[in-house]
Amino acid sequence: MPHYRSEPIAAGPFEPYWASLKSQYRPPDWFRDAKFGIWAHWGPQCQPEAGDWYARHMYMQGH
């Protein structure tokens, strides 16, 4: 059974709803000037419905 701490969450500048975030948050200048990019890696971990198990089964007899 996991143990959870019952410490209060510190107060911040935002309320827990989207309107609060949209009205108060301003992205930094570097973010607006940044270029968009995607990094992808294709390997055994990418096998559908297998993930980490694909690499493990490569070394098991009968898989």
PDB file of N, CA and C in Angstrom:
ATOM      1  N   MET A   1       0.845  -1.173   0.000  1.00  0.00           N
ATOM      2  CA  MET A   1       0.000   0.000   0.000  1.00  0.00           C
ATOM      3  C   MET A   1       0.898   1.245   0.000  1.00  0.00           C
ATOM      4  N   PRO A   2       0.679   2.174  -0.947  1.00  0.00           N
ATOM      5  CA  PRO A   2       1.525   3.373  -0.997  1.00  0.00           C
ATOM      6  C   PRO A   2       1.246   4.306   0.173  1.00  0.00           C
ATOM      7  N   HIS A   3       2.262   5.027   0.557  1.00  0.00           N
ATOM      8  CA  HIS A   3       2.125   6.011   1.631  1.00  0.00           C
ATOM      9  C   HIS A   3       2.068   7.400   1.005  1.00  0.00           C
ATOM     10  N   TYR A   4       1.054   8.147   1.367  1.00  0.00           N
ATOM     11  CA  TYR A   4       0.889   9.496   0.847  1.00  0.00           C
ATOM     12  C   TYR A   4       1.091  10.498   1.969  1.00  0.00           C
ATOM     13  N   ARG A   5       1.737  11.585   1.647  1.00  0.00           N
ATOM     14  CA  ARG A   5       1.897  12.645   2.639  1.00  0.00           C
ATOM     15  C   ARG A   5       0.677  13.542   2.587  1.00  0.00           C
ATOM     16  N   SER A   6       0.252  13.969   3.725  1.00  0.00           N
ATOM     17  CA  SER A   6      -0.920  14.853   3.780  1.00  0.00           C
ATOM     18  C   SER A   6      -0.492  16.298   3.984  1.00  0.00           C
ATOM     19  N   GLU A   7       0.589  16.696   3.312  1.00  0.00           N
ATOM     20  CA  GLU A   7       1.049  18.071   3.415  1.00  0.00           C
ATOM     21  C   GLU A   7       0.220  18.962   2.503  1.00  0.00           C
ATOM     22  N   PRO A   8      -0.067  20.172   2.920  1.00  0.00           N
ATOM     23  CA  PRO A   8      -0.846  21.068   2.053  1.00  0.00           C
ATOM     24  C   PRO A   8      -0.026  21.507   0.839  1.00  0.00           C
ATOM     25  N   ILE A   9      -0.724  21.788  -0.230  1.00  0.00           N
ATOM     26  CA  ILE A   9      -0.085  22.284  -1.442  1.00  0.00           C
ATOM     27  C   ILE A   9       0.114  23.787  -1.286  1.00  0.00           C
ATOM     28  N   ALA A  10       1.307  24.247  -1.622  1.00  0.00           N
ATOM     29  CA  ALA A  10       1.612  25.670  -1.482  1.00  0.00           C
ATOM     30  C   ALA A  10       0.733  26.500  -2.409  1.00  0.00           C
ATOM     31  N   ALA A  11       0.331  27.647  -1.958  1.00  0.00           N
ATOM     32  CA  ALA A  11      -0.487  28.553  -2.769  1.00  0.00           C
ATOM     33  C   ALA A  11       0.349  29.103  -3.915  1.00  0.00           C
ATOM     34  N   GLY A  12      -0.253  29.245  -5.060  1.00  0.00           N
ATOM     35  CA  GLY A  12       0.439  29.771  -6.220  1.00  0.00           C
ATOM     36  C   GLY A  12      -0.378  30.838  -6.911  1.00  0.00           C
ATOM     37  N   PRO A  13       0.102  31.329  -8.043  1.00  0.00           N
ATOM     38  CA  PRO A  13      -0.600  32.417  -8.724  1.00  0.00           C
ATOM     39  C   PRO A  13      -1.832  31.962  -9.513  1.00  0.00           C
ATOM     40  N   PHE A  14      -2.032  30.655  -9.676  1.00  0.00           N
ATOM     41  CA  PHE A  14      -3.131  30.166 -10.506  1.00  0.00           C
ATOM     42  C   PHE A  14      -4.170  29.421  -9.692  1.00  0.00           C
ATOM     43  N   GLU A  15      -5.406  29.498 -10.166  1.00  0.00           N
ATOM     44  CA  GLU A  15      -6.502  28.716  -9.606  1.00  0.00           C
ATOM     45  C   GLU A  15      -6.615  27.435 -10.431  1.00  0.00           C
ATOM     46  N   PRO A  16      -7.261  26.396  -9.914  1.00  0.00           N
ATOM     47  CA  PRO A  16      -7.315  25.130 -10.634  1.00  0.00           C
ATOM     48  C   PRO A  16      -8.360  25.072 -11.758  1.00  0.00           C
ATOM     49  N   TYR A  17      -8.325  26.023 -12.657  1.00  0.00           N
ATOM     50  CA  TYR A  17      -9.190  25.972 -13.837  1.00  0.00           C
ATOM     51  C   TYR A  17      -8.494  26.710 -14.980  1.00  0.00           C
ATOM     52  N   TRP A  18      -8.868  26.383 -16.229  1.00  0.00           N
ATOM     53  CA  TRP A  18      -8.185  26.891 -17.424  1.00  0.00           C
ATOM     54  C   TRP A  18      -8.235  28.402 -17.552  1.00  0.00           C
ATOM     55  N   ALA A  19      -9.371  29.003 -17.222  1.00  0.00           N
ATOM     56  CA  ALA A  19      -9.508  30.455 -17.377  1.00  0.00           C
ATOM     57  C   ALA A  19      -8.448  31.195 -16.562  1.00  0.00           C
ATOM     58  N   SER A  20      -8.124  30.681 -15.388  1.00  0.00           N
ATOM     59  CA  SER A  20      -7.099  31.303 -14.554  1.00  0.00           C
ATOM     60  C   SER A  20      -5.738  31.223 -15.239  1.00  0.00           C
ATOM     61  N   LEU A  21      -5.428  30.080 -15.796  1.00  0.00           N
ATOM     62  CA  LEU A  21      -4.146  29.907 -16.478  1.00  0.00           C
ATOM     63  C   LEU A  21      -4.062  30.790 -17.724  1.00  0.00           C
ATOM     64  N   LYS A  22      -5.114  30.790 -18.522  1.00  0.00           N
ATOM     65  CA  LYS A  22      -5.115  31.574 -19.762  1.00  0.00           C
ATOM     66  C   LYS A  22      -5.024  33.082 -19.499  1.00  0.00           C
ATOM     67  N   SER A  23      -5.652  33.539 -18.433  1.00  0.00           N
ATOM     68  CA  SER A  23      -5.663  34.980 -18.185  1.00  0.00           C
ATOM     69  C   SER A  23      -4.381  35.484 -17.518  1.00  0.00           C
ATOM     70  N   GLN A  24      -3.634  34.612 -16.830  1.00  0.00           N
ATOM     71  CA  GLN A  24      -2.478  35.069 -16.072  1.00  0.00           C
ATOM     72  C   GLN A  24      -1.128  34.623 -16.628  1.00  0.00           C
ATOM     73  N   TYR A  25      -1.090  33.558 -17.400  1.00  0.00           N
ATOM     74  CA  TYR A  25       0.191  33.033 -17.853  1.00  0.00           C
ATOM     75  C   TYR A  25       0.632  33.668 -19.162  1.00  0.00           C
ATOM     76  N   ARG A  26       1.883  34.050 -19.244  1.00  0.00           N
ATOM     77  CA  ARG A  26       2.459  34.578 -20.473  1.00  0.00           C
ATOM     78  C   ARG A  26       3.699  33.745 -20.785  1.00  0.00           C
ATOM     79  N   PRO A  27       3.733  33.083 -21.946  1.00  0.00           N
ATOM     80  CA  PRO A  27       4.910  32.275 -22.265  1.00  0.00           C
ATOM     81  C   PRO A  27       6.158  33.142 -22.387  1.00  0.00           C
ATOM     82  N   PRO A  28       7.326  32.602 -22.055  1.00  0.00           N
ATOM     83  CA  PRO A  28       8.557  33.392 -22.172  1.00  0.00           C
ATOM     84  C   PRO A  28       8.867  33.733 -23.625  1.00  0.00           C
ATOM     85  N   ASP A  29       9.635  34.791 -23.836  1.00  0.00           N
ATOM     86  CA  ASP A  29       9.958  35.228 -25.195  1.00  0.00           C
ATOM     87  C   ASP A  29      10.671  34.150 -25.999  1.00  0.00           C
ATOM     88  N   TRP A  30      11.570  33.394 -25.356  1.00  0.00           N
ATOM     89  CA  TRP A  30      12.312  32.372 -26.099  1.00  0.00           C
ATOM     90  C   TRP A  30      11.372  31.293 -26.635  1.00  0.00           C
ATOM     91  N   PHE A  31      10.258  31.051 -25.945  1.00  0.00           N
ATOM     92  CA  PHE A  31       9.317  30.024 -26.385  1.00  0.00           C
ATOM     93  C   PHE A  31       8.598  30.446 -27.662  1.00  0.00           C
ATOM     94  N   ARG A  32       8.239  31.700 -27.750  1.00  0.00           N
ATOM     95  CA  ARG A  32       7.549  32.195 -28.944  1.00  0.00           C
ATOM     96  C   ARG A  32       8.464  32.204 -30.160  1.00  0.00           C
ATOM     97  N   ASP A  33       9.761  32.386 -29.939  1.00  0.00           N
ATOM     98  CA  ASP A  33      10.724  32.405 -31.042  1.00  0.00           C
ATOM     99  C   ASP A  33      11.282  31.031 -31.367  1.00  0.00           C
ATOM    100  N   ALA A  34      10.954  30.022 -30.572  1.00  0.00           N
ATOM    101  CA  ALA A  34      11.515  28.688 -30.756  1.00  0.00           C
ATOM    102  C   ALA A  34      10.943  28.013 -32.001  1.00  0.00           C
ATOM    103  N   LYS A  35      11.721  27.130 -32.565  1.00  0.00           N
ATOM    104  CA  LYS A  35      11.277  26.338 -33.705  1.00  0.00           C
ATOM    105  C   LYS A  35      10.671  25.045 -33.186  1.00  0.00           C
ATOM    106  N   PHE A  36       9.739  24.499 -33.937  1.00  0.00           N
ATOM    107  CA  PHE A  36       9.090  23.258 -33.548  1.00  0.00           C
ATOM    108  C   PHE A  36       9.855  22.084 -34.137  1.00  0.00           C
ATOM    109  N   GLY A  37      10.105  21.067 -33.340  1.00  0.00           N
ATOM    110  CA  GLY A  37      10.800  19.893 -33.829  1.00  0.00           C
ATOM    111  C   GLY A  37      10.288  18.638 -33.147  1.00  0.00           C
ATOM    112  N   ILE A  38      10.430  17.543 -33.833  1.00  0.00           N
ATOM    113  CA  ILE A  38      10.011  16.249 -33.290  1.00  0.00           C
ATOM    114  C   ILE A  38      11.210  15.314 -33.341  1.00  0.00           C
ATOM    115  N   TRP A  39      11.462  14.623 -32.245  1.00  0.00           N
ATOM    116  CA  TRP A  39      12.518  13.631 -32.199  1.00  0.00           C
ATOM    117  C   TRP A  39      11.852  12.277 -32.040  1.00  0.00           C
ATOM    118  N   ALA A  40      12.240  11.332 -32.856  1.00  0.00           N
ATOM    119  CA  ALA A  40      11.658   9.996 -32.770  1.00  0.00           C
ATOM    120  C   ALA A  40      12.762   8.955 -32.817  1.00  0.00           C
ATOM    121  N   HIS A  41      12.564   7.878 -32.072  1.00  0.00           N
ATOM    122  CA  HIS A  41      13.505   6.765 -32.073  1.00  0.00           C
ATOM    123  C   HIS A  41      12.715   5.497 -32.330  1.00  0.00           C
ATOM    124  N   TRP A  42      13.103   4.768 -33.331  1.00  0.00           N
ATOM    125  CA  TRP A  42      12.409   3.525 -33.661  1.00  0.00           C
ATOM    126  C   TRP A  42      13.307   2.362 -33.294  1.00  0.00           C
ATOM    127  N   GLY A  43      12.834   1.498 -32.438  1.00  0.00           N
ATOM    128  CA  GLY A  43      13.599   0.343 -32.011  1.00  0.00           C
ATOM    129  C   GLY A  43      12.687  -0.683 -31.378  1.00  0.00           C
ATOM    130  N   PRO A  44      13.251  -1.684 -30.711  1.00  0.00           N
ATOM    131  CA  PRO A  44      12.425  -2.739 -30.113  1.00  0.00           C
ATOM    132  C   PRO A  44      11.382  -2.218 -29.137  1.00  0.00           C
ATOM    133  N   GLN A  45      11.655  -1.106 -28.467  1.00  0.00           N
ATOM    134  CA  GLN A  45      10.697  -0.580 -27.500  1.00  0.00           C
ATOM    135  C   GLN A  45       9.429  -0.068 -28.173  1.00  0.00           C
ATOM    136  N   CYS A  46       9.447   0.134 -29.466  1.00  0.00           N
ATOM    137  CA  CYS A  46       8.311   0.704 -30.185  1.00  0.00           C
ATOM    138  C   CYS A  46       7.320  -0.348 -30.687  1.00  0.00           C
ATOM    139  N   GLN A  47       7.551  -1.611 -30.408  1.00  0.00           N
ATOM    140  CA  GLN A  47       6.663  -2.654 -30.900  1.00  0.00           C
ATOM    141  C   GLN A  47       5.274  -2.491 -30.295  1.00  0.00           C
ATOM    142  N   PRO A  48       4.226  -2.526 -31.137  1.00  0.00           N
ATOM    143  CA  PRO A  48       2.865  -2.352 -30.620  1.00  0.00           C
ATOM    144  C   PRO A  48       2.512  -3.408 -29.578  1.00  0.00           C
ATOM    145  N   GLU A  49       1.908  -2.986 -28.515  1.00  0.00           N
ATOM    146  CA  GLU A  49       1.430  -3.839 -27.435  1.00  0.00           C
ATOM    147  C   GLU A  49       2.524  -4.675 -26.785  1.00  0.00           C
ATOM    148  N   ALA A  50       3.783  -4.328 -26.994  1.00  0.00           N
ATOM    149  CA  ALA A  50       4.863  -5.104 -26.394  1.00  0.00           C
ATOM    150  C   ALA A  50       5.740  -4.226 -25.516  1.00  0.00           C
ATOM    151  N   GLY A  51       6.147  -3.062 -26.008  1.00  0.00           N
ATOM    152  CA  GLY A  51       6.979  -2.160 -25.229  1.00  0.00           C
ATOM    153  C   GLY A  51       8.240  -2.818 -24.712  1.00  0.00           C
ATOM    154  N   ASP A  52       8.470  -2.725 -23.416  1.00  0.00           N
ATOM    155  CA  ASP A  52       9.672  -3.293 -22.807  1.00  0.00           C
ATOM    156  C   ASP A  52       9.722  -4.810 -22.912  1.00  0.00           C
ATOM    157  N   TRP A  53       8.570  -5.433 -23.032  1.00  0.00           N
ATOM    158  CA  TRP A  53       8.549  -6.898 -23.068  1.00  0.00           C
ATOM    159  C   TRP A  53       9.143  -7.444 -24.362  1.00  0.00           C
ATOM    160  N   TYR A  54       9.098  -6.705 -25.446  1.00  0.00           N
ATOM    161  CA  TYR A  54       9.649  -7.186 -26.717  1.00  0.00           C
ATOM    162  C   TYR A  54      11.134  -7.510 -26.564  1.00  0.00           C
ATOM    163  N   ALA A  55      11.889  -6.591 -25.989  1.00  0.00           N
ATOM    164  CA  ALA A  55      13.326  -6.811 -25.805  1.00  0.00           C
ATOM    165  C   ALA A  55      13.572  -7.981 -24.854  1.00  0.00           C
ATOM    166  N   ARG A  56      12.764  -8.120 -23.834  1.00  0.00           N
ATOM    167  CA  ARG A  56      12.935  -9.224 -22.888  1.00  0.00           C
ATOM    168  C   ARG A  56      12.689 -10.561 -23.560  1.00  0.00           C
ATOM    169  N   HIS A  57      11.636 -10.640 -24.376  1.00  0.00           N
ATOM    170  CA  HIS A  57      11.284 -11.904 -25.028  1.00  0.00           C
ATOM    171  C   HIS A  57      12.284 -12.311 -26.100  1.00  0.00           C
ATOM    172  N   MET A  58      13.084 -11.389 -26.590  1.00  0.00           N
ATOM    173  CA  MET A  58      14.090 -11.755 -27.606  1.00  0.00           C
ATOM    174  C   MET A  58      15.069 -12.795 -27.065  1.00  0.00           C
ATOM    175  N   TYR A  59      15.259 -12.796 -25.747  1.00  0.00           N
ATOM    176  CA  TYR A  59      16.225 -13.700 -25.131  1.00  0.00           C
ATOM    177  C   TYR A  59      15.591 -14.886 -24.454  1.00  0.00           C
ATOM    178  N   MET A  60      14.291 -15.045 -24.592  1.00  0.00           N
ATOM    179  CA  MET A  60      13.602 -16.170 -23.957  1.00  0.00           C
ATOM    180  C   MET A  60      13.317 -17.243 -24.989  1.00  0.00           C
ATOM    181  N   GLN A  61      13.614 -18.466 -24.648  1.00  0.00           N
ATOM    182  CA  GLN A  61      13.395 -19.604 -25.540  1.00  0.00           C
ATOM    183  C   GLN A  61      11.904 -19.702 -25.917  1.00  0.00           C
ATOM    184  N   GLY A  62      11.626 -19.827 -27.206  1.00  0.00           N
ATOM    185  CA  GLY A  62      10.256 -19.995 -27.676  1.00  0.00           C
ATOM    186  C   GLY A  62       9.515 -18.713 -28.006  1.00  0.00           C
ATOM    187  N   HIS A  63      10.137 -17.572 -27.819  1.00  0.00           N
ATOM    188  CA  HIS A  63       9.468 -16.296 -28.137  1.00  0.00           C
ATOM    189  C   HIS A  63      10.056 -15.742 -29.411  1.00  0.00           C
TER     190      HIS A  63
END
